[in-house]
Amino acid sequence: MRVFINGIGVSSPLGMSIKQFSSNIFSGELFWKLINKYKTTYNIPSFTACGFTETTSLESIVKQAFFNACIDAKIIKRNEDKTLICFATSNGLEDNIFKSEDSKLIDAMSCHTFLIPTVSSKFKKFKITCFNTACASGGDAISYAYRELKYNHYKQAIVIGADTLSPITASGFMSLGAMSLKGCKPFTTNRDGMSLGEGAACIVLSSQYTSNSYSEIIGVGQANDHYHITAPNPDGTALFTAMNNAIREANIKPSQINYVNAHGTGTKLNDVMELNALHKVFKDIPSVSSSKGQIGHTLGGAGVFEAIIVALAIQRHRLPPNIVGQNKLLENAPFIVTTSKTSNIKFAISNSIGFGGNAVSIVIKDLEK
């Protein structure tokens, strides 16, 4: 069976609609803000993030992204087909997690029961599966949904990736020395780390092509190099394997890939590792950019956000930029796209990498090919 992306929805500081989000992404808009709300209560220093202007709940942004995607896919009435729901999150925690009563804390850290009434309003029969593989969660959720549709276990699937800012996330990355002070600038010589982002992204996958279809997923690859609980293997072994497996399943050659949306966190270790993997896979590396210089690292939502950006890039024949400001690119990265430009993208890859050595690559194809 074939697997098409038939609907997309977002809830992000860069836009609460696909039109607004897409416009801001391709025009290179930045929405960095200084987050200092954890200083007093948790003694966490201020940091830069792509955050909402007002504190928002995980439930509210998930609902908005979900309903936006359903409307985009023209799922108006309650659907009778059994639908797979894949929810991806890194931790699903919110600002007030430690202020909650014990019962609420348990709910927040489980399967997020708000998904059930939300989904049941659109689908009569469904199965919900949750993914928590750190920053690879969104990519893993898409890969699972793709295979379930490919082997005809379901006709349609909804993949939701979401995380909001939380004190645990902020303090965790700070303790690793991985946080940027000014906003991440992936693949630059003076990059100083990653910047958190928050939001929810949702895609509707279907085995049925429609006039509303954006693009087609034709291959996925997943790997784990068992190198370290947090640090990436400098050789890029897991990502190299994941990209190769995805390209092989897609039944194409590396030379046919026109664009790679990199994981690109802007940390010293990750960017070097990812470039090493790219140089191993491609003889001539295609255009590459990281969206985290705009949306920040949305953790469990990253893989879904970035798959959406790839789908939009393919549909609009336009490369999204890798924001670098006045910074210089690394010497072995001349293929990084620093300003949005027109490009006839036939095949593209979306990469996601998570703690523990997880790596996911997804090959997405133009419907005209």
Protein backbone atom coordinates (compact mmCIF):
# COMPACT_ATOMS: atom_id res chain seq x y z
CA MET A 1 0.00 0.00 0.00
CA ARG A 2 1.08 3.57 -0.63
CA VAL A 3 1.17 6.16 2.16
CA PHE A 4 0.17 9.77 1.46
CA ILE A 5 0.30 12.88 3.63
CA ASN A 6 -3.26 14.17 3.25
CA GLY A 7 -3.49 16.77 5.98
CA ILE A 8 -1.28 18.84 8.26
CA GLY A 9 -1.90 21.05 11.27
CA VAL A 10 0.28 23.00 13.69
CA SER A 11 0.10 25.02 16.88
CA SER A 12 3.36 26.92 17.13
CA PRO A 13 4.77 30.31 18.14
CA LEU A 14 5.51 30.67 14.40
CA GLY A 15 1.86 30.22 13.52
CA MET A 16 -1.41 28.70 14.66
CA SER A 17 -2.36 27.89 11.07
CA ILE A 18 -0.43 26.22 8.27
CA LYS A 19 -0.63 29.38 6.16
CA GLN A 20 0.93 31.54 8.85
CA PHE A 21 3.45 28.89 9.90
CA SER A 22 4.56 28.23 6.34
CA SER A 23 4.91 31.94 5.58
CA ASN A 24 7.13 32.47 8.63
CA ILE A 25 9.26 29.39 7.94
CA PHE A 26 10.06 30.20 4.32
CA SER A 27 10.58 33.91 4.97
CA GLY A 28 13.09 33.10 7.72
CA GLU A 29 11.20 34.75 10.58
CA LEU A 30 12.52 34.32 14.13
CA PHE A 31 10.48 34.26 17.34
CA TRP A 32 13.15 33.81 20.01
CA LYS A 33 12.20 35.08 23.44
CA LEU A 34 13.94 35.19 26.80
CA ILE A 35 12.44 32.68 29.23
CA ASN A 36 12.96 33.66 32.85
CA LYS A 37 9.83 32.25 34.48
CA TYR A 38 11.74 29.40 36.18
CA LYS A 39 14.24 31.66 37.97
CA THR A 40 12.40 32.18 41.23
CA THR A 41 10.62 28.85 41.69
CA TYR A 42 13.22 26.46 40.29
CA ASN A 43 16.41 28.54 40.33
CA ILE A 44 16.87 27.98 36.58
CA PRO A 45 18.74 30.82 34.81
CA SER A 46 17.13 32.64 31.90
CA PHE A 47 17.42 30.99 28.50
CA THR A 48 16.40 31.66 24.90
CA ALA A 49 13.58 29.61 23.37
CA CYS A 50 10.92 29.70 20.68
CA GLY A 51 8.01 29.91 23.08
CA PHE A 52 4.39 31.03 23.10
CA THR A 53 3.71 34.57 24.27
CA GLU A 54 1.38 33.24 26.97
CA THR A 55 1.67 30.04 28.98
CA THR A 56 -0.31 27.32 27.23
CA SER A 57 -1.29 23.76 28.04
CA LEU A 58 -0.25 20.65 26.18
CA GLU A 59 -3.91 19.72 25.82
CA SER A 60 -4.88 22.97 24.10
CA ILE A 61 -2.09 22.95 21.51
CA VAL A 62 -2.60 19.26 20.72
CA LYS A 63 -6.32 19.85 20.15
CA GLN A 64 -5.67 22.79 17.86
CA ALA A 65 -3.08 20.97 15.74
CA PHE A 66 -5.29 17.87 15.57
CA PHE A 67 -8.43 19.71 14.46
CA ASN A 68 -6.46 21.85 11.98
CA ALA A 69 -5.04 18.69 10.39
CA CYS A 70 -8.47 17.03 10.21
CA ILE A 71 -9.96 20.09 8.54
CA ASP A 72 -7.03 20.24 6.12
CA ALA A 73 -7.57 16.57 5.24
CA LYS A 74 -11.31 17.27 4.85
CA ILE A 75 -12.27 14.93 7.69
CA ILE A 76 -15.43 16.84 8.52
CA LYS A 77 -17.88 14.18 9.65
CA ARG A 78 -17.20 11.45 12.18
CA ASN A 79 -15.12 8.87 10.29
CA GLU A 80 -16.20 5.22 10.44
CA ASP A 81 -12.87 3.61 9.47
CA LYS A 82 -10.62 2.28 12.23
CA THR A 83 -7.88 4.85 12.65
CA LEU A 84 -4.41 4.58 14.18
CA ILE A 85 -3.49 7.50 16.44
CA CYS A 86 0.22 7.89 17.22
CA PHE A 87 1.13 10.41 19.91
CA ALA A 88 4.79 11.40 20.30
CA THR A 89 6.21 13.37 23.20
CA SER A 90 9.56 13.59 24.94
CA ASN A 91 8.07 13.99 28.40
CA GLY A 92 4.70 15.73 28.08
CA LEU A 93 5.38 17.83 31.17
CA GLU A 94 4.19 21.38 31.71
CA ASP A 95 5.20 24.42 33.77
CA ASN A 96 3.04 23.56 36.76
CA ILE A 97 3.88 19.86 36.92
CA PHE A 98 5.37 20.02 40.43
CA LYS A 99 2.47 22.13 41.70
CA SER A 100 -0.08 19.50 40.69
CA GLU A 101 -1.79 17.06 42.99
CA ASP A 102 -0.47 13.53 42.82
CA SER A 103 -3.42 12.27 40.76
CA LYS A 104 -2.92 14.99 38.15
CA LEU A 105 0.81 14.30 38.05
CA ILE A 106 0.15 10.67 37.21
CA ASP A 107 -2.28 11.65 34.45
CA ALA A 108 0.17 14.13 32.94
CA MET A 109 2.93 11.54 32.78
CA SER A 110 0.77 8.77 31.29
CA CYS A 111 -1.00 8.47 27.93
CA HIS A 112 -2.53 11.93 28.14
CA THR A 113 -6.16 10.99 28.57
CA PHE A 114 -7.32 14.20 26.91
CA LEU A 115 -6.50 12.52 23.59
CA ILE A 116 -9.40 10.09 23.90
CA PRO A 117 -12.30 12.60 23.97
CA THR A 118 -10.50 14.75 21.39
CA VAL A 119 -10.03 11.91 18.93
CA SER A 120 -13.43 10.30 19.56
CA SER A 121 -15.13 13.43 18.23
CA LYS A 122 -13.68 12.66 14.79
CA PHE A 123 -13.26 8.88 14.70
CA LYS A 124 -15.67 6.18 15.79
CA LYS A 125 -13.05 3.40 16.00
CA PHE A 126 -9.42 4.08 16.85
CA LYS A 127 -6.30 2.83 18.59
CA ILE A 128 -3.93 5.19 20.43
CA THR A 129 -0.24 4.38 20.67
CA CYS A 130 2.26 6.62 22.47
CA PHE A 131 5.94 7.05 21.58
CA ASN A 132 8.64 8.27 23.92
CA THR A 133 12.07 7.84 22.37
CA ALA A 134 13.35 11.27 23.38
CA CYS A 135 13.93 13.62 20.45
CA ALA A 136 13.37 10.80 17.94
CA SER A 137 9.78 10.29 19.17
CA GLY A 138 8.07 12.12 16.30
CA GLY A 139 10.10 10.33 13.63
CA ASP A 140 9.51 6.95 15.27
CA ALA A 141 5.76 7.63 15.44
CA ILE A 142 5.64 8.48 11.73
CA SER A 143 7.68 5.37 10.90
CA TYR A 144 5.33 3.13 12.86
CA ALA A 145 2.24 4.66 11.27
CA TYR A 146 3.80 4.35 7.82
CA ARG A 147 4.42 0.62 8.26
CA GLU A 148 0.95 -0.04 9.67
CA LEU A 149 -0.59 1.59 6.60
CA LYS A 150 1.88 0.05 4.18
CA TYR A 151 0.97 -3.45 5.34
CA ASN A 152 -2.74 -2.62 5.22
CA HIS A 153 -3.38 -2.89 8.97
CA TYR A 154 -5.13 0.50 8.81
CA LYS A 155 -6.40 2.78 6.07
CA GLN A 156 -5.50 5.99 7.85
CA ALA A 157 -3.35 7.24 10.72
CA ILE A 158 -2.99 10.47 12.67
CA VAL A 159 0.47 11.31 14.01
CA ILE A 160 0.71 14.02 16.69
CA GLY A 161 3.98 15.29 18.14
CA ALA A 162 3.95 17.77 21.00
CA ASP A 163 5.88 19.19 23.92
CA THR A 164 5.72 22.41 25.92
CA LEU A 165 8.45 24.13 27.89
CA SER A 166 9.00 22.64 31.33
CA PRO A 167 11.50 23.13 34.16
CA ILE A 168 12.68 19.51 33.88
CA THR A 169 13.55 19.92 30.20
CA ALA A 170 15.28 23.26 30.71
CA SER A 171 17.34 22.16 33.70
CA GLY A 172 18.23 18.87 32.03
CA PHE A 173 19.71 20.43 28.90
CA MET A 174 21.42 23.12 30.98
CA SER A 175 23.09 20.49 33.11
CA LEU A 176 24.49 18.97 29.92
CA GLY A 177 25.89 22.34 28.88
CA ALA A 178 23.88 22.07 25.66
CA MET A 179 21.75 25.24 25.82
CA SER A 180 22.41 28.23 23.58
CA LEU A 181 22.57 31.68 25.13
CA LYS A 182 21.40 33.61 22.06
CA GLY A 183 19.34 31.20 19.92
CA CYS A 184 20.72 28.17 18.10
CA LYS A 185 22.54 28.57 14.78
CA PRO A 186 22.98 25.05 13.36
CA PHE A 187 26.14 24.15 11.41
CA THR A 188 27.97 27.41 12.13
CA THR A 189 31.51 27.80 13.45
CA ASN A 190 30.50 29.65 16.61
CA ARG A 191 27.28 27.78 17.42
CA ASP A 192 26.81 27.56 21.16
CA GLY A 193 24.10 24.95 21.59
CA MET A 194 20.46 24.11 21.13
CA SER A 195 17.42 26.22 21.93
CA LEU A 196 14.16 24.76 23.14
CA GLY A 197 10.90 25.20 21.27
CA GLU A 198 7.33 24.30 22.06
CA GLY A 199 4.26 23.43 20.05
CA ALA A 200 2.21 20.64 18.53
CA ALA A 201 2.26 19.28 15.00
CA CYS A 202 -0.11 16.79 13.38
CA ILE A 203 -0.16 14.94 10.08
CA VAL A 204 -2.89 12.80 8.55
CA LEU A 205 -1.58 9.74 6.70
CA SER A 206 -3.73 7.69 4.36
CA SER A 207 -3.44 4.86 1.86
CA GLN A 208 -5.84 6.84 -0.33
CA TYR A 209 -4.56 9.54 -2.69
CA THR A 210 -6.76 12.63 -2.86
CA SER A 211 -6.62 15.99 -4.58
CA ASN A 212 -5.61 17.33 -1.16
CA SER A 213 -2.50 15.10 -0.82
CA TYR A 214 0.76 16.94 -0.17
CA SER A 215 3.31 14.21 -0.82
CA GLU A 216 4.05 10.52 -0.31
CA ILE A 217 6.21 8.72 2.25
CA ILE A 218 8.12 5.99 0.44
CA GLY A 219 10.74 4.79 2.91
CA VAL A 220 11.75 4.92 6.57
CA GLY A 221 14.91 3.86 8.36
CA GLN A 222 15.57 3.44 12.08
CA ALA A 223 18.78 2.57 13.90
CA ASN A 224 20.51 2.72 17.27
CA ASP A 225 24.29 2.68 17.78
CA HIS A 226 24.23 2.07 21.57
CA TYR A 227 27.04 4.61 21.93
CA HIS A 228 26.08 6.75 24.93
CA ILE A 229 22.99 7.72 26.91
CA THR A 230 23.20 11.36 25.76
CA ALA A 231 26.28 11.99 23.58
CA PRO A 232 26.07 11.11 19.86
CA ASN A 233 28.60 8.82 18.24
CA PRO A 234 30.99 11.19 16.38
CA ASP A 235 31.02 8.80 13.41
CA GLY A 236 27.27 9.19 12.90
CA THR A 237 26.81 5.41 12.71
CA ALA A 238 23.13 5.31 13.66
CA LEU A 239 22.09 8.15 11.36
CA PHE A 240 24.18 6.77 8.51
CA THR A 241 22.41 3.42 8.88
CA ALA A 242 18.96 5.02 9.19
CA MET A 243 19.43 7.13 6.03
CA ASN A 244 20.76 4.19 4.06
CA ASN A 245 17.87 1.97 5.16
CA ALA A 246 15.30 4.63 4.30
CA ILE A 247 16.80 5.22 0.84
CA ARG A 248 16.99 1.48 0.21
CA GLU A 249 13.33 0.96 1.17
CA ALA A 250 12.37 3.88 -1.07
CA ASN A 251 14.08 2.02 -3.93
CA ILE A 252 16.02 5.06 -5.06
CA LYS A 253 19.68 6.09 -5.12
CA PRO A 254 21.30 8.60 -2.74
CA SER A 255 22.02 10.81 -5.76
CA GLN A 256 18.26 11.24 -6.32
CA ILE A 257 17.75 12.99 -2.96
CA ASN A 258 17.37 16.74 -3.53
CA TYR A 259 16.98 17.98 0.03
CA VAL A 260 17.69 16.89 3.61
CA ASN A 261 15.97 18.47 6.60
CA ALA A 262 18.65 17.83 9.21
CA HIS A 263 18.15 17.21 12.91
CA GLY A 264 20.62 20.10 13.30
CA THR A 265 20.40 21.08 16.96
CA GLY A 266 23.27 23.56 16.88
CA THR A 267 25.31 21.75 19.53
CA LYS A 268 29.04 21.21 19.03
CA LEU A 269 28.74 17.42 19.00
CA ASN A 270 25.49 16.82 17.11
CA ASP A 271 26.22 19.00 14.09
CA VAL A 272 29.64 17.41 13.50
CA MET A 273 28.17 13.93 13.85
CA GLU A 274 25.35 14.67 11.39
CA LEU A 275 27.74 16.13 8.83
CA ASN A 276 29.92 13.02 9.12
CA ALA A 277 26.88 10.83 8.43
CA LEU A 278 25.86 12.94 5.42
CA HIS A 279 29.35 12.74 3.92
CA LYS A 280 29.23 8.94 4.27
CA VAL A 281 25.83 8.55 2.61
CA PHE A 282 26.20 11.03 -0.27
CA LYS A 283 28.97 11.44 -2.78
CA ASP A 284 27.55 14.86 -3.63
CA ILE A 285 25.53 16.11 -0.67
CA PRO A 286 22.19 17.71 -1.65
CA SER A 287 20.80 20.93 -0.18
CA VAL A 288 20.56 20.73 3.62
CA SER A 289 18.96 22.92 6.28
CA SER A 290 17.84 22.65 9.89
CA SER A 291 14.51 24.16 10.93
CA LYS A 292 15.54 24.32 14.59
CA GLY A 293 17.13 27.70 13.98
CA GLN A 294 13.52 28.94 13.74
CA ILE A 295 11.18 26.59 15.60
CA GLY A 296 13.68 25.60 18.27
CA HIS A 297 13.98 22.02 19.43
CA THR A 298 10.42 20.87 19.99
CA LEU A 299 11.63 17.52 21.39
CA GLY A 300 8.91 14.89 20.86
CA GLY A 301 7.26 17.13 18.29
CA ALA A 302 10.43 17.79 16.26
CA GLY A 303 10.10 14.85 13.86
CA VAL A 304 6.48 15.72 13.03
CA PHE A 305 7.14 19.46 12.65
CA GLU A 306 10.07 18.78 10.34
CA ALA A 307 8.20 16.21 8.23
CA ILE A 308 5.53 18.88 7.74
CA ILE A 309 8.17 21.41 6.68
CA VAL A 310 9.55 18.89 4.17
CA ALA A 311 6.04 18.23 2.78
CA LEU A 312 5.51 21.98 2.38
CA ALA A 313 8.94 22.40 0.74
CA ILE A 314 8.13 19.67 -1.79
CA GLN A 315 4.67 21.03 -2.54
CA ARG A 316 5.87 24.62 -2.90
CA HIS A 317 9.12 23.77 -4.70
CA ARG A 318 11.02 25.87 -2.20
CA LEU A 319 13.89 25.15 0.20
CA PRO A 320 13.44 26.30 3.81
CA PRO A 321 16.38 28.32 5.19
CA ASN A 322 18.97 27.40 7.79
CA ILE A 323 19.18 30.63 9.81
CA VAL A 324 22.79 31.58 10.59
CA GLY A 325 22.70 35.36 10.98
CA GLN A 326 26.21 36.79 10.71
CA ASN A 327 27.81 33.47 11.63
CA LYS A 328 29.98 31.47 9.23
CA LEU A 329 29.13 27.95 8.14
CA LEU A 330 31.42 25.05 9.01
CA GLU A 331 34.02 24.45 6.31
CA ASN A 332 32.65 21.03 5.32
CA ALA A 333 29.08 22.31 4.99
CA PRO A 334 28.89 24.48 1.84
CA PHE A 335 25.60 22.76 0.91
CA ILE A 336 23.71 24.34 3.83
CA VAL A 337 20.85 26.53 2.55
CA THR A 338 20.98 29.87 4.40
CA THR A 339 18.19 31.67 2.53
CA SER A 340 14.99 30.22 1.12
CA LYS A 341 15.11 29.63 -2.63
CA THR A 342 13.20 27.90 -5.39
CA SER A 343 14.05 24.23 -5.95
CA ASN A 344 12.38 21.35 -7.76
CA ILE A 345 12.41 18.81 -4.92
CA LYS A 346 11.54 15.31 -6.09
CA PHE A 347 12.86 13.34 -3.12
CA ALA A 348 13.70 14.59 0.37
CA ILE A 349 14.77 13.19 3.74
CA SER A 350 13.70 14.25 7.22
CA ASN A 351 16.15 13.23 9.99
CA SER A 352 15.50 12.87 13.72
CA ILE A 353 17.97 11.87 16.41
CA GLY A 354 17.34 11.12 20.09
CA PHE A 355 19.23 10.33 23.27
CA GLY A 356 20.40 6.76 23.66
CA GLY A 357 21.65 6.52 20.06
CA ASN A 358 18.25 6.62 18.33
CA ALA A 359 18.09 7.81 14.71
CA VAL A 360 15.20 7.99 12.25
CA SER A 361 15.14 8.95 8.56
CA ILE A 362 12.02 9.40 6.45
CA VAL A 363 12.04 9.66 2.65
CA ILE A 364 9.24 11.82 1.25
CA LYS A 365 8.43 12.05 -2.46
CA ASP A 366 6.89 14.66 -4.72
CA LEU A 367 3.55 13.41 -6.08
CA GLU A 368 4.51 14.52 -9.58
CA LYS A 369 7.38 12.02 -9.76
